[in-house]
Amino acid sequence: MDELDLIKLQTRCVSHEIRNHISICEMYTEILKKNLERDGYKNNSAENAIECIKKSLKIISTTLLDLKSVNNFVPHNCDFKTLVEEGARLSDAYIQGKNITINSFVKNTASIYVDENKFLACIVNIIKNAIEAIEIKGEINIMGEIKDKVAHLRISNNGKIISKEKQKEIFEEGFTTKPTGNGLGLHICKCNLKAQNADLKLNKSTKSITEFEITIPVSV
């Protein structure tokens, strides 16, 4: 791949990430507005929305820097459990209009050496896909644990099954199972996680469960 092709790919990837997080900001702004009108200035839900907007804006800012550099990772030691819980909280905005329960449980924790915002963006993207796979009602389970010095994050849902044929191509650039998708989300996640010494894989997709897993060594 020459430099021009690399720049084009990077621009498309950045555009995709920006759209995802702008939508979070828009949704929470609407939630904040409705709660303030209904309950006054003091409202826990509104305060939580503000915090989520702030975090999303930070992720957007980090993503925009990718337009200036093809290698814009700023890793540092982060608490695994904190990142997982933050990712679940940010993703909650996508549930609007659906009856979906998100269960999050992190058995134990440790430090992982990652770019916080890019790692969070991957978690949000995977949970968002899980929400979109559920038509109206369903359940998403987020399970984290440290085992043999490796952090495991499993995100599963009971939505639409991914066929065996499509499972082989799920991480390829341009491949999508959505009518309006561009096939960049999982490809970006796979590439960004690989750059952080992490791996993303599809464990299974059956009639009862579709499960993705992120693995990354803990910091020594």
N, C-alpha and C. Protein backbone atom coordinates (compact mmCIF):
# COMPACT_ATOMS: atom_id res chain seq x y z
N MET A 1 0.85 -1.20 0.00
CA MET A 1 0.00 0.00 0.00
C MET A 1 0.88 1.25 0.00
N ASP A 2 0.68 2.16 -1.01
CA ASP A 2 1.49 3.37 -1.07
C ASP A 2 0.95 4.41 -0.10
N GLU A 3 1.68 5.54 0.00
CA GLU A 3 1.34 6.57 1.00
C GLU A 3 -0.04 7.17 0.75
N LEU A 4 -0.40 7.39 -0.52
CA LEU A 4 -1.69 7.99 -0.84
C LEU A 4 -2.84 7.09 -0.42
N ASP A 5 -2.70 5.80 -0.71
CA ASP A 5 -3.74 4.85 -0.32
C ASP A 5 -3.87 4.77 1.19
N LEU A 6 -2.72 4.87 1.88
CA LEU A 6 -2.74 4.82 3.33
C LEU A 6 -3.48 6.03 3.90
N ILE A 7 -3.24 7.20 3.31
CA ILE A 7 -3.92 8.42 3.77
C ILE A 7 -5.42 8.33 3.53
N LYS A 8 -5.80 7.80 2.37
CA LYS A 8 -7.22 7.65 2.07
C LYS A 8 -7.90 6.72 3.07
N LEU A 9 -7.25 5.61 3.36
CA LEU A 9 -7.81 4.66 4.31
C LEU A 9 -7.94 5.28 5.69
N GLN A 10 -6.88 6.01 6.09
CA GLN A 10 -6.91 6.64 7.41
C GLN A 10 -8.03 7.66 7.51
N THR A 11 -8.25 8.43 6.46
CA THR A 11 -9.30 9.44 6.46
C THR A 11 -10.67 8.80 6.59
N ARG A 12 -10.88 7.71 5.88
CA ARG A 12 -12.16 7.00 5.97
C ARG A 12 -12.38 6.43 7.36
N CYS A 13 -11.34 5.90 7.94
CA CYS A 13 -11.45 5.34 9.28
C CYS A 13 -11.79 6.42 10.30
N VAL A 14 -11.11 7.55 10.19
CA VAL A 14 -11.36 8.66 11.11
C VAL A 14 -12.79 9.16 10.96
N SER A 15 -13.25 9.29 9.73
CA SER A 15 -14.62 9.76 9.48
C SER A 15 -15.63 8.83 10.13
N HIS A 16 -15.40 7.55 10.04
CA HIS A 16 -16.30 6.57 10.64
C HIS A 16 -16.37 6.75 12.15
N GLU A 17 -15.23 6.90 12.79
CA GLU A 17 -15.20 7.05 14.24
C GLU A 17 -15.88 8.35 14.68
N ILE A 18 -15.66 9.42 13.94
CA ILE A 18 -16.28 10.70 14.28
C ILE A 18 -17.80 10.58 14.25
N ARG A 19 -18.33 9.94 13.24
CA ARG A 19 -19.78 9.80 13.12
C ARG A 19 -20.36 9.04 14.32
N ASN A 20 -19.67 7.99 14.73
CA ASN A 20 -20.15 7.21 15.87
C ASN A 20 -20.27 8.06 17.12
N HIS A 21 -19.25 8.84 17.42
CA HIS A 21 -19.23 9.57 18.69
C HIS A 21 -20.02 10.87 18.64
N ILE A 22 -20.16 11.44 17.48
CA ILE A 22 -21.05 12.59 17.35
C ILE A 22 -22.48 12.17 17.65
N SER A 23 -22.85 10.98 17.21
CA SER A 23 -24.21 10.49 17.47
C SER A 23 -24.45 10.31 18.97
N ILE A 24 -23.42 9.89 19.70
CA ILE A 24 -23.55 9.79 21.15
C ILE A 24 -23.84 11.16 21.75
N CYS A 25 -23.08 12.16 21.33
CA CYS A 25 -23.26 13.51 21.85
C CYS A 25 -24.67 14.02 21.56
N GLU A 26 -25.14 13.78 20.37
CA GLU A 26 -26.47 14.25 19.99
C GLU A 26 -27.56 13.59 20.84
N MET A 27 -27.43 12.29 21.02
CA MET A 27 -28.44 11.58 21.82
C MET A 27 -28.47 12.06 23.25
N TYR A 28 -27.29 12.21 23.86
CA TYR A 28 -27.26 12.64 25.26
C TYR A 28 -27.65 14.10 25.42
N THR A 29 -27.42 14.91 24.43
CA THR A 29 -27.87 16.30 24.50
C THR A 29 -29.39 16.36 24.59
N GLU A 30 -30.04 15.51 23.80
CA GLU A 30 -31.50 15.47 23.82
C GLU A 30 -32.02 14.95 25.17
N ILE A 31 -31.34 13.93 25.69
CA ILE A 31 -31.72 13.40 27.00
C ILE A 31 -31.56 14.47 28.07
N LEU A 32 -30.45 15.18 28.03
CA LEU A 32 -30.18 16.24 29.00
C LEU A 32 -31.25 17.32 28.93
N LYS A 33 -31.59 17.72 27.74
CA LYS A 33 -32.60 18.77 27.56
C LYS A 33 -33.94 18.38 28.17
N LYS A 34 -34.39 17.16 27.88
CA LYS A 34 -35.68 16.69 28.38
C LYS A 34 -35.70 16.59 29.91
N ASN A 35 -34.61 16.10 30.47
CA ASN A 35 -34.56 15.95 31.93
C ASN A 35 -34.52 17.30 32.65
N LEU A 36 -33.79 18.24 32.10
CA LEU A 36 -33.72 19.58 32.70
C LEU A 36 -35.09 20.25 32.68
N GLU A 37 -35.82 20.08 31.59
CA GLU A 37 -37.15 20.68 31.47
C GLU A 37 -38.13 20.03 32.45
N ARG A 38 -37.98 18.76 32.65
CA ARG A 38 -38.93 18.04 33.49
C ARG A 38 -38.64 18.15 34.98
N ASP A 39 -37.38 18.08 35.34
CA ASP A 39 -37.03 17.97 36.77
C ASP A 39 -36.25 19.15 37.34
N GLY A 40 -35.93 20.11 36.54
CA GLY A 40 -35.16 21.23 37.06
C GLY A 40 -33.67 21.06 36.82
N TYR A 41 -32.86 21.86 37.50
CA TYR A 41 -31.43 21.89 37.23
C TYR A 41 -30.66 20.75 37.87
N LYS A 42 -31.19 20.16 38.90
CA LYS A 42 -30.49 19.09 39.61
C LYS A 42 -31.08 17.75 39.21
N ASN A 43 -30.30 16.96 38.42
CA ASN A 43 -30.80 15.68 37.95
C ASN A 43 -29.62 14.75 37.68
N ASN A 44 -29.64 13.60 38.33
CA ASN A 44 -28.51 12.67 38.19
C ASN A 44 -28.31 12.18 36.76
N SER A 45 -29.41 11.92 36.09
CA SER A 45 -29.32 11.45 34.71
C SER A 45 -28.69 12.51 33.81
N ALA A 46 -29.07 13.75 34.04
CA ALA A 46 -28.51 14.85 33.24
C ALA A 46 -27.02 15.01 33.52
N GLU A 47 -26.65 14.88 34.77
CA GLU A 47 -25.24 15.00 35.12
C GLU A 47 -24.42 13.87 34.48
N ASN A 48 -24.98 12.68 34.48
CA ASN A 48 -24.30 11.55 33.86
C ASN A 48 -24.16 11.78 32.36
N ALA A 49 -25.20 12.34 31.75
CA ALA A 49 -25.15 12.62 30.32
C ALA A 49 -24.04 13.61 30.00
N ILE A 50 -23.90 14.61 30.84
CA ILE A 50 -22.85 15.61 30.63
C ILE A 50 -21.47 14.97 30.65
N GLU A 51 -21.28 14.08 31.61
CA GLU A 51 -19.99 13.39 31.72
C GLU A 51 -19.72 12.52 30.49
N CYS A 52 -20.75 11.87 30.00
CA CYS A 52 -20.59 11.04 28.81
C CYS A 52 -20.27 11.88 27.58
N ILE A 53 -20.90 13.04 27.49
CA ILE A 53 -20.60 13.95 26.39
C ILE A 53 -19.15 14.40 26.45
N LYS A 54 -18.70 14.73 27.64
CA LYS A 54 -17.32 15.16 27.80
C LYS A 54 -16.35 14.07 27.34
N LYS A 55 -16.62 12.84 27.76
CA LYS A 55 -15.74 11.74 27.38
C LYS A 55 -15.77 11.49 25.89
N SER A 56 -16.94 11.55 25.31
CA SER A 56 -17.06 11.35 23.87
C SER A 56 -16.32 12.42 23.09
N LEU A 57 -16.39 13.63 23.58
CA LEU A 57 -15.68 14.72 22.92
C LEU A 57 -14.16 14.52 22.97
N LYS A 58 -13.70 13.96 24.08
CA LYS A 58 -12.28 13.65 24.18
C LYS A 58 -11.88 12.59 23.16
N ILE A 59 -12.73 11.61 22.99
CA ILE A 59 -12.46 10.56 22.01
C ILE A 59 -12.45 11.16 20.60
N ILE A 60 -13.38 12.05 20.32
CA ILE A 60 -13.41 12.71 19.02
C ILE A 60 -12.13 13.50 18.80
N SER A 61 -11.71 14.23 19.81
CA SER A 61 -10.49 15.03 19.70
C SER A 61 -9.28 14.16 19.40
N THR A 62 -9.21 13.04 20.08
CA THR A 62 -8.11 12.11 19.84
C THR A 62 -8.17 11.56 18.43
N THR A 63 -9.36 11.22 17.97
CA THR A 63 -9.51 10.67 16.63
C THR A 63 -9.14 11.68 15.56
N LEU A 64 -9.49 12.94 15.78
CA LEU A 64 -9.16 13.97 14.80
C LEU A 64 -7.66 14.13 14.61
N LEU A 65 -6.90 13.85 15.65
CA LEU A 65 -5.45 13.94 15.54
C LEU A 65 -4.90 12.92 14.54
N ASP A 66 -5.66 11.87 14.28
CA ASP A 66 -5.21 10.87 13.32
C ASP A 66 -5.09 11.42 11.91
N LEU A 67 -5.76 12.54 11.64
CA LEU A 67 -5.64 13.17 10.34
C LEU A 67 -4.24 13.76 10.12
N LYS A 68 -3.56 14.01 11.22
CA LYS A 68 -2.23 14.61 11.15
C LYS A 68 -1.12 13.56 11.17
N SER A 69 -1.45 12.38 11.65
CA SER A 69 -0.42 11.35 11.80
C SER A 69 -1.02 9.98 11.59
N VAL A 70 -0.27 9.09 10.93
CA VAL A 70 -0.75 7.73 10.71
C VAL A 70 -0.40 6.84 11.89
N ASN A 71 0.34 7.38 12.85
CA ASN A 71 0.73 6.59 14.02
C ASN A 71 0.54 7.44 15.27
N ASN A 72 -0.70 7.65 15.62
CA ASN A 72 -1.03 8.58 16.69
C ASN A 72 -1.56 7.85 17.92
N PHE A 73 -0.77 6.96 18.47
CA PHE A 73 -1.14 6.26 19.69
C PHE A 73 -0.41 6.86 20.88
N VAL A 74 -1.18 7.11 21.95
CA VAL A 74 -0.58 7.65 23.18
C VAL A 74 -0.94 6.68 24.31
N PRO A 75 -0.22 5.58 24.41
CA PRO A 75 -0.56 4.58 25.43
C PRO A 75 -0.05 4.93 26.82
N HIS A 76 -0.77 4.47 27.82
CA HIS A 76 -0.30 4.56 29.20
C HIS A 76 -1.04 3.48 30.00
N ASN A 77 -0.62 3.24 31.20
CA ASN A 77 -1.25 2.21 32.01
C ASN A 77 -2.65 2.65 32.44
N CYS A 78 -3.64 1.81 32.14
CA CYS A 78 -5.04 2.10 32.48
C CYS A 78 -5.62 0.92 33.25
N ASP A 79 -6.57 1.21 34.12
CA ASP A 79 -7.23 0.14 34.88
C ASP A 79 -8.25 -0.55 33.99
N PHE A 80 -8.12 -1.84 33.84
CA PHE A 80 -8.98 -2.63 32.95
C PHE A 80 -10.46 -2.48 33.31
N LYS A 81 -10.80 -2.65 34.57
CA LYS A 81 -12.19 -2.59 35.00
C LYS A 81 -12.80 -1.22 34.72
N THR A 82 -12.04 -0.17 34.99
CA THR A 82 -12.53 1.19 34.76
C THR A 82 -12.85 1.42 33.29
N LEU A 83 -12.00 0.93 32.40
CA LEU A 83 -12.23 1.09 30.97
C LEU A 83 -13.48 0.34 30.52
N VAL A 84 -13.65 -0.87 31.01
CA VAL A 84 -14.82 -1.67 30.63
C VAL A 84 -16.11 -0.99 31.09
N GLU A 85 -16.13 -0.53 32.32
CA GLU A 85 -17.33 0.12 32.86
C GLU A 85 -17.62 1.43 32.13
N GLU A 86 -16.57 2.16 31.78
CA GLU A 86 -16.76 3.41 31.04
C GLU A 86 -17.31 3.14 29.65
N GLY A 87 -16.80 2.09 29.00
CA GLY A 87 -17.29 1.72 27.68
C GLY A 87 -18.76 1.34 27.71
N ALA A 88 -19.17 0.61 28.73
CA ALA A 88 -20.58 0.23 28.87
C ALA A 88 -21.45 1.45 29.10
N ARG A 89 -20.96 2.38 29.89
CA ARG A 89 -21.74 3.58 30.20
C ARG A 89 -21.92 4.45 28.95
N LEU A 90 -20.86 4.60 28.17
CA LEU A 90 -20.95 5.40 26.95
C LEU A 90 -21.90 4.77 25.93
N SER A 91 -21.90 3.45 25.87
CA SER A 91 -22.69 2.74 24.87
C SER A 91 -24.18 2.79 25.17
N ASP A 92 -24.54 3.10 26.39
CA ASP A 92 -25.94 3.08 26.81
C ASP A 92 -26.81 4.00 25.97
N ALA A 93 -26.21 5.03 25.38
CA ALA A 93 -26.98 5.98 24.58
C ALA A 93 -27.62 5.34 23.36
N TYR A 94 -27.02 4.30 22.84
CA TYR A 94 -27.52 3.66 21.63
C TYR A 94 -28.78 2.82 21.85
N ILE A 95 -29.15 2.61 23.11
CA ILE A 95 -30.31 1.76 23.41
C ILE A 95 -31.63 2.46 23.15
N GLN A 96 -31.62 3.76 23.00
CA GLN A 96 -32.86 4.54 22.88
C GLN A 96 -33.87 3.88 21.95
N GLY A 97 -35.10 3.66 22.47
CA GLY A 97 -36.17 3.08 21.68
C GLY A 97 -36.23 1.57 21.70
N LYS A 98 -35.27 0.94 22.38
CA LYS A 98 -35.26 -0.52 22.47
C LYS A 98 -35.32 -0.97 23.92
N ASN A 99 -35.78 -2.17 24.13
CA ASN A 99 -35.85 -2.76 25.47
C ASN A 99 -34.66 -3.72 25.62
N ILE A 100 -33.51 -3.16 25.91
CA ILE A 100 -32.28 -3.95 26.00
C ILE A 100 -31.65 -3.77 27.38
N THR A 101 -31.27 -4.88 27.97
CA THR A 101 -30.58 -4.86 29.26
C THR A 101 -29.09 -5.14 29.02
N ILE A 102 -28.25 -4.27 29.57
CA ILE A 102 -26.80 -4.49 29.50
C ILE A 102 -26.31 -4.92 30.87
N ASN A 103 -25.78 -6.11 30.95
CA ASN A 103 -25.21 -6.63 32.19
C ASN A 103 -23.69 -6.58 32.09
N SER A 104 -23.07 -5.91 33.04
CA SER A 104 -21.61 -5.77 33.02
C SER A 104 -21.02 -6.30 34.32
N PHE A 105 -20.06 -7.20 34.20
CA PHE A 105 -19.40 -7.76 35.38
C PHE A 105 -17.92 -7.98 35.09
N VAL A 106 -17.07 -7.37 35.90
CA VAL A 106 -15.62 -7.54 35.77
C VAL A 106 -15.14 -8.26 37.02
N LYS A 107 -14.69 -9.48 36.85
CA LYS A 107 -14.32 -10.35 37.97
C LYS A 107 -13.15 -9.81 38.76
N ASN A 108 -12.12 -9.38 38.08
CA ASN A 108 -10.92 -8.81 38.73
C ASN A 108 -10.29 -7.81 37.77
N THR A 109 -9.25 -7.14 38.21
CA THR A 109 -8.70 -6.09 37.36
C THR A 109 -7.18 -6.02 37.47
N ALA A 110 -6.59 -5.29 36.52
CA ALA A 110 -5.15 -5.06 36.47
C ALA A 110 -4.91 -3.90 35.51
N SER A 111 -3.69 -3.46 35.43
CA SER A 111 -3.35 -2.39 34.50
C SER A 111 -3.07 -2.97 33.10
N ILE A 112 -3.56 -2.27 32.09
CA ILE A 112 -3.23 -2.63 30.71
C ILE A 112 -2.64 -1.39 30.04
N TYR A 113 -1.68 -1.60 29.16
CA TYR A 113 -0.96 -0.50 28.53
C TYR A 113 -1.61 -0.21 27.18
N VAL A 114 -2.50 0.78 27.15
CA VAL A 114 -3.27 1.09 25.94
C VAL A 114 -3.44 2.59 25.78
N ASP A 115 -3.85 2.98 24.58
CA ASP A 115 -4.34 4.33 24.34
C ASP A 115 -5.79 4.34 24.84
N GLU A 116 -6.04 5.02 25.93
CA GLU A 116 -7.34 4.96 26.60
C GLU A 116 -8.50 5.24 25.66
N ASN A 117 -8.42 6.34 24.91
CA ASN A 117 -9.54 6.73 24.07
C ASN A 117 -9.76 5.78 22.90
N LYS A 118 -8.68 5.28 22.31
CA LYS A 118 -8.83 4.34 21.20
C LYS A 118 -9.35 2.99 21.68
N PHE A 119 -8.91 2.57 22.84
CA PHE A 119 -9.39 1.30 23.40
C PHE A 119 -10.88 1.42 23.74
N LEU A 120 -11.26 2.55 24.34
CA LEU A 120 -12.67 2.80 24.64
C LEU A 120 -13.52 2.82 23.38
N ALA A 121 -12.99 3.44 22.32
CA ALA A 121 -13.73 3.51 21.06
C ALA A 121 -14.03 2.12 20.52
N CYS A 122 -13.10 1.20 20.69
CA CYS A 122 -13.32 -0.18 20.24
C CYS A 122 -14.41 -0.86 21.06
N ILE A 123 -14.37 -0.68 22.37
CA ILE A 123 -15.39 -1.27 23.23
C ILE A 123 -16.78 -0.74 22.85
N VAL A 124 -16.87 0.57 22.68
CA VAL A 124 -18.15 1.20 22.32
C VAL A 124 -18.65 0.67 20.98
N ASN A 125 -17.74 0.54 20.02
CA ASN A 125 -18.14 0.07 18.69
C ASN A 125 -18.72 -1.34 18.74
N ILE A 126 -18.09 -2.21 19.52
CA ILE A 126 -18.55 -3.60 19.62
C ILE A 126 -19.91 -3.67 20.33
N ILE A 127 -20.07 -2.89 21.40
CA ILE A 127 -21.36 -2.88 22.11
C ILE A 127 -22.45 -2.27 21.23
N LYS A 128 -22.10 -1.23 20.49
CA LYS A 128 -23.06 -0.61 19.56
C LYS A 128 -23.53 -1.63 18.53
N ASN A 129 -22.60 -2.41 18.00
CA ASN A 129 -22.99 -3.45 17.04
C ASN A 129 -23.93 -4.47 17.68
N ALA A 130 -23.66 -4.79 18.94
CA ALA A 130 -24.51 -5.74 19.65
C ALA A 130 -25.92 -5.18 19.82
N ILE A 131 -26.02 -3.89 20.13
CA ILE A 131 -27.32 -3.25 20.27
C ILE A 131 -28.07 -3.27 18.95
N GLU A 132 -27.36 -2.99 17.86
CA GLU A 132 -27.99 -2.95 16.54
C GLU A 132 -28.42 -4.34 16.08
N ALA A 133 -27.77 -5.38 16.61
CA ALA A 133 -28.13 -6.75 16.23
C ALA A 133 -29.44 -7.19 16.88
N ILE A 134 -29.87 -6.46 17.90
CA ILE A 134 -31.13 -6.77 18.60
C ILE A 134 -32.22 -5.85 18.07
N GLU A 135 -33.29 -6.42 17.57
CA GLU A 135 -34.33 -5.62 16.93
C GLU A 135 -35.09 -4.75 17.94
N ILE A 136 -35.68 -5.36 18.94
CA ILE A 136 -36.49 -4.60 19.90
C ILE A 136 -36.10 -4.91 21.34
N LYS A 137 -36.06 -6.19 21.66
CA LYS A 137 -35.82 -6.60 23.04
C LYS A 137 -34.71 -7.64 23.08
N GLY A 138 -33.82 -7.50 24.08
CA GLY A 138 -32.75 -8.48 24.20
C GLY A 138 -31.82 -8.18 25.34
N GLU A 139 -30.69 -8.84 25.33
CA GLU A 139 -29.74 -8.74 26.44
C GLU A 139 -28.32 -8.74 25.91
N ILE A 140 -27.49 -7.90 26.53
CA ILE A 140 -26.07 -7.85 26.21
C ILE A 140 -25.29 -8.11 27.49
N ASN A 141 -24.36 -9.02 27.43
CA ASN A 141 -23.53 -9.35 28.59
C ASN A 141 -22.08 -8.96 28.32
N ILE A 142 -21.53 -8.20 29.25
CA ILE A 142 -20.14 -7.77 29.17
C ILE A 142 -19.39 -8.38 30.35
N MET A 143 -18.48 -9.27 30.05
CA MET A 143 -17.77 -10.01 31.09
C MET A 143 -16.26 -9.78 30.96
N GLY A 144 -15.64 -9.35 32.05
CA GLY A 144 -14.20 -9.11 32.03
C GLY A 144 -13.50 -9.88 33.14
N GLU A 145 -12.30 -10.37 32.84
CA GLU A 145 -11.51 -11.05 33.86
C GLU A 145 -10.05 -11.07 33.46
N ILE A 146 -9.20 -11.15 34.49
CA ILE A 146 -7.76 -11.32 34.28
C ILE A 146 -7.43 -12.78 34.55
N LYS A 147 -6.82 -13.42 33.57
CA LYS A 147 -6.48 -14.84 33.71
C LYS A 147 -5.12 -15.09 33.06
N ASP A 148 -4.20 -15.67 33.85
CA ASP A 148 -2.85 -15.96 33.35
C ASP A 148 -2.17 -14.74 32.74
N LYS A 149 -2.30 -13.60 33.44
CA LYS A 149 -1.67 -12.34 33.04
C LYS A 149 -2.20 -11.79 31.72
N VAL A 150 -3.41 -12.18 31.37
CA VAL A 150 -4.07 -11.68 30.17
C VAL A 150 -5.46 -11.17 30.54
N ALA A 151 -5.80 -9.98 30.07
CA ALA A 151 -7.14 -9.42 30.29
C ALA A 151 -8.07 -9.92 29.19
N HIS A 152 -9.20 -10.48 29.59
CA HIS A 152 -10.20 -10.99 28.65
C HIS A 152 -11.48 -10.17 28.78
N LEU A 153 -11.98 -9.66 27.68
CA LEU A 153 -13.24 -8.93 27.67
C LEU A 153 -14.16 -9.59 26.65
N ARG A 154 -15.24 -10.19 27.13
CA ARG A 154 -16.20 -10.86 26.26
C ARG A 154 -17.49 -10.06 26.22
N ILE A 155 -17.93 -9.75 25.00
CA ILE A 155 -19.16 -8.98 24.80
C ILE A 155 -20.10 -9.82 23.95
N SER A 156 -21.24 -10.19 24.52
CA SER A 156 -22.17 -11.07 23.82
C SER A 156 -23.57 -10.48 23.76
N ASN A 157 -24.35 -10.94 22.79
CA ASN A 157 -25.74 -10.52 22.66
C ASN A 157 -26.57 -11.68 22.14
N ASN A 158 -27.89 -11.57 22.29
CA ASN A 158 -28.79 -12.62 21.80
C ASN A 158 -29.60 -12.13 20.60
N GLY A 159 -28.96 -11.31 19.78
CA GLY A 159 -29.61 -10.77 18.59
C GLY A 159 -29.42 -11.65 17.37
N LYS A 160 -29.40 -11.01 16.20
CA LYS A 160 -29.31 -11.74 14.94
C LYS A 160 -28.01 -12.52 14.84
N ILE A 161 -28.11 -13.72 14.27
CA ILE A 161 -26.95 -14.57 14.08
C ILE A 161 -26.11 -14.07 12.91
N ILE A 162 -24.79 -14.25 12.99
CA ILE A 162 -23.89 -13.97 11.88
C ILE A 162 -23.61 -15.31 11.20
N SER A 163 -23.96 -15.43 9.94
CA SER A 163 -23.81 -16.70 9.25
C SER A 163 -22.35 -17.14 9.21
N LYS A 164 -22.13 -18.44 9.04
CA LYS A 164 -20.76 -18.98 9.00
C LYS A 164 -19.96 -18.38 7.85
N GLU A 165 -20.62 -18.12 6.72
CA GLU A 165 -19.93 -17.51 5.58
C GLU A 165 -19.45 -16.10 5.92
N LYS A 166 -20.31 -15.34 6.58
CA LYS A 166 -19.97 -13.96 6.91
C LYS A 166 -18.95 -13.89 8.05
N GLN A 167 -18.94 -14.89 8.92
CA GLN A 167 -17.99 -14.90 10.03
C GLN A 167 -16.55 -14.88 9.53
N LYS A 168 -16.30 -15.47 8.37
CA LYS A 168 -14.95 -15.55 7.82
C LYS A 168 -14.44 -14.18 7.36
N GLU A 169 -15.37 -13.28 7.06
CA GLU A 169 -15.00 -11.98 6.49
C GLU A 169 -15.30 -10.81 7.42
N ILE A 170 -15.73 -11.10 8.63
CA ILE A 170 -16.29 -10.07 9.50
C ILE A 170 -15.33 -8.92 9.79
N PHE A 171 -14.01 -9.19 9.78
CA PHE A 171 -13.04 -8.14 10.11
C PHE A 171 -12.38 -7.51 8.88
N GLU A 172 -12.81 -7.90 7.70
CA GLU A 172 -12.21 -7.36 6.48
C GLU A 172 -12.75 -5.96 6.19
N GLU A 173 -11.87 -5.12 5.65
CA GLU A 173 -12.28 -3.76 5.31
C GLU A 173 -13.37 -3.78 4.24
N GLY A 174 -14.44 -3.03 4.49
CA GLY A 174 -15.52 -2.94 3.52
C GLY A 174 -16.61 -3.97 3.68
N PHE A 175 -16.39 -4.97 4.53
CA PHE A 175 -17.42 -6.00 4.71
C PHE A 175 -18.40 -5.55 5.78
N THR A 176 -19.70 -5.69 5.50
CA THR A 176 -20.72 -5.30 6.47
C THR A 176 -21.93 -6.20 6.36
N THR A 177 -22.63 -6.37 7.48
CA THR A 177 -23.88 -7.13 7.49
C THR A 177 -25.08 -6.17 7.59
N LYS A 178 -24.81 -4.86 7.60
CA LYS A 178 -25.87 -3.87 7.76
C LYS A 178 -26.24 -3.26 6.41
N PRO A 179 -27.52 -2.98 6.19
CA PRO A 179 -27.97 -2.38 4.92
C PRO A 179 -27.31 -1.02 4.64
N THR A 180 -27.03 -0.25 5.69
CA THR A 180 -26.44 1.07 5.51
C THR A 180 -25.02 1.15 6.05
N GLY A 181 -24.41 0.02 6.33
CA GLY A 181 -23.06 0.01 6.89
C GLY A 181 -21.99 0.23 5.83
N ASN A 182 -20.80 0.65 6.29
CA ASN A 182 -19.69 0.85 5.35
C ASN A 182 -18.56 -0.15 5.55
N GLY A 183 -18.73 -1.07 6.50
CA GLY A 183 -17.75 -2.12 6.67
C GLY A 183 -16.42 -1.68 7.25
N LEU A 184 -16.44 -0.63 8.05
CA LEU A 184 -15.19 -0.13 8.62
C LEU A 184 -15.07 -0.36 10.12
N GLY A 185 -16.20 -0.46 10.83
CA GLY A 185 -16.17 -0.50 12.29
C GLY A 185 -15.29 -1.59 12.87
N LEU A 186 -15.59 -2.84 12.56
CA LEU A 186 -14.82 -3.95 13.12
C LEU A 186 -13.41 -4.00 12.55
N HIS A 187 -13.25 -3.56 11.30
CA HIS A 187 -11.91 -3.51 10.71
C HIS A 187 -11.04 -2.52 11.46
N ILE A 188 -11.60 -1.36 11.78
CA ILE A 188 -10.86 -0.36 12.55
C ILE A 188 -10.51 -0.89 13.93
N CYS A 189 -11.49 -1.51 14.57
CA CYS A 189 -11.26 -2.07 15.91
C CYS A 189 -10.13 -3.10 15.87
N LYS A 190 -10.18 -3.98 14.91
CA LYS A 190 -9.16 -5.02 14.79
C LYS A 190 -7.78 -4.41 14.63
N CYS A 191 -7.67 -3.40 13.75
CA CYS A 191 -6.37 -2.76 13.49
C CYS A 191 -5.88 -1.96 14.69
N ASN A 192 -6.78 -1.18 15.31
CA ASN A 192 -6.39 -0.37 16.46
C ASN A 192 -5.99 -1.23 17.65
N LEU A 193 -6.68 -2.32 17.87
CA LEU A 193 -6.33 -3.20 18.97
C LEU A 193 -5.01 -3.92 18.70
N LYS A 194 -4.81 -4.32 17.48
CA LYS A 194 -3.55 -4.99 17.12
C LYS A 194 -2.37 -4.06 17.37
N ALA A 195 -2.54 -2.77 17.07
CA ALA A 195 -1.49 -1.79 17.29
C ALA A 195 -1.19 -1.58 18.77
N GLN A 196 -2.12 -2.02 19.63
CA GLN A 196 -1.95 -1.89 21.08
C GLN A 196 -1.63 -3.24 21.73
N ASN A 197 -1.17 -4.18 20.91
CA ASN A 197 -0.80 -5.52 21.39
C ASN A 197 -2.01 -6.29 21.91
N ALA A 198 -3.18 -5.96 21.39
CA ALA A 198 -4.41 -6.65 21.77
C ALA A 198 -4.98 -7.39 20.56
N ASP A 199 -5.91 -8.27 20.82
CA ASP A 199 -6.52 -9.04 19.73
C ASP A 199 -8.03 -9.02 19.87
N LEU A 200 -8.72 -9.00 18.75
CA LEU A 200 -10.17 -9.06 18.71
C LEU A 200 -10.58 -10.25 17.86
N LYS A 201 -11.47 -11.08 18.38
CA LYS A 201 -11.95 -12.22 17.61
C LYS A 201 -13.42 -12.46 17.88
N LEU A 202 -14.05 -13.16 16.94
CA LEU A 202 -15.43 -13.61 17.12
C LEU A 202 -15.38 -15.02 17.66
N ASN A 203 -15.82 -15.22 18.89
CA ASN A 203 -15.79 -16.55 19.49
C ASN A 203 -16.84 -17.48 18.90
N LYS A 204 -18.06 -16.94 18.73
CA LYS A 204 -19.14 -17.76 18.21
C LYS A 204 -20.33 -16.90 17.86
N SER A 205 -21.18 -17.44 17.00
CA SER A 205 -22.44 -16.80 16.68
C SER A 205 -23.46 -17.91 16.38
N THR A 206 -24.35 -18.12 17.34
CA THR A 206 -25.37 -19.16 17.24
C THR A 206 -26.75 -18.52 17.38
N LYS A 207 -27.78 -19.34 17.38
CA LYS A 207 -29.15 -18.83 17.54
C LYS A 207 -29.35 -18.17 18.90
N SER A 208 -28.56 -18.58 19.89
CA SER A 208 -28.76 -18.06 21.24
C SER A 208 -27.76 -16.98 21.64
N ILE A 209 -26.58 -16.95 20.99
CA ILE A 209 -25.55 -16.00 21.43
C ILE A 209 -24.54 -15.69 20.34
N THR A 210 -24.16 -14.42 20.26
CA THR A 210 -23.03 -13.97 19.44
C THR A 210 -22.04 -13.31 20.39
N GLU A 211 -20.80 -13.80 20.37
CA GLU A 211 -19.82 -13.32 21.34
C GLU A 211 -18.51 -12.91 20.68
N PHE A 212 -18.09 -11.67 20.97
CA PHE A 212 -16.78 -11.17 20.57
C PHE A 212 -15.89 -11.12 21.80
N GLU A 213 -14.58 -11.23 21.58
CA GLU A 213 -13.65 -11.21 22.71
C GLU A 213 -12.41 -10.39 22.37
N ILE A 214 -12.06 -9.52 23.33
CA ILE A 214 -10.80 -8.76 23.26
C ILE A 214 -9.85 -9.35 24.29
N THR A 215 -8.62 -9.62 23.89
CA THR A 215 -7.60 -10.08 24.82
C THR A 215 -6.38 -9.18 24.72
N ILE A 216 -5.76 -8.92 25.88
CA ILE A 216 -4.58 -8.09 25.90
C ILE A 216 -3.75 -8.44 27.15
N PRO A 217 -2.42 -8.56 27.01
CA PRO A 217 -1.60 -8.84 28.19
C PRO A 217 -1.68 -7.70 29.19
N VAL A 218 -1.63 -8.04 30.46
CA VAL A 218 -1.63 -7.00 31.48
C VAL A 218 -0.23 -6.41 31.59
N SER A 219 -0.14 -5.22 32.15
CA SER A 219 1.15 -4.57 32.34
C SER A 219 1.94 -5.28 33.44
N VAL A 220 3.22 -5.45 33.21
CA VAL A 220 4.08 -6.11 34.21
C VAL A 220 4.46 -5.12 35.27
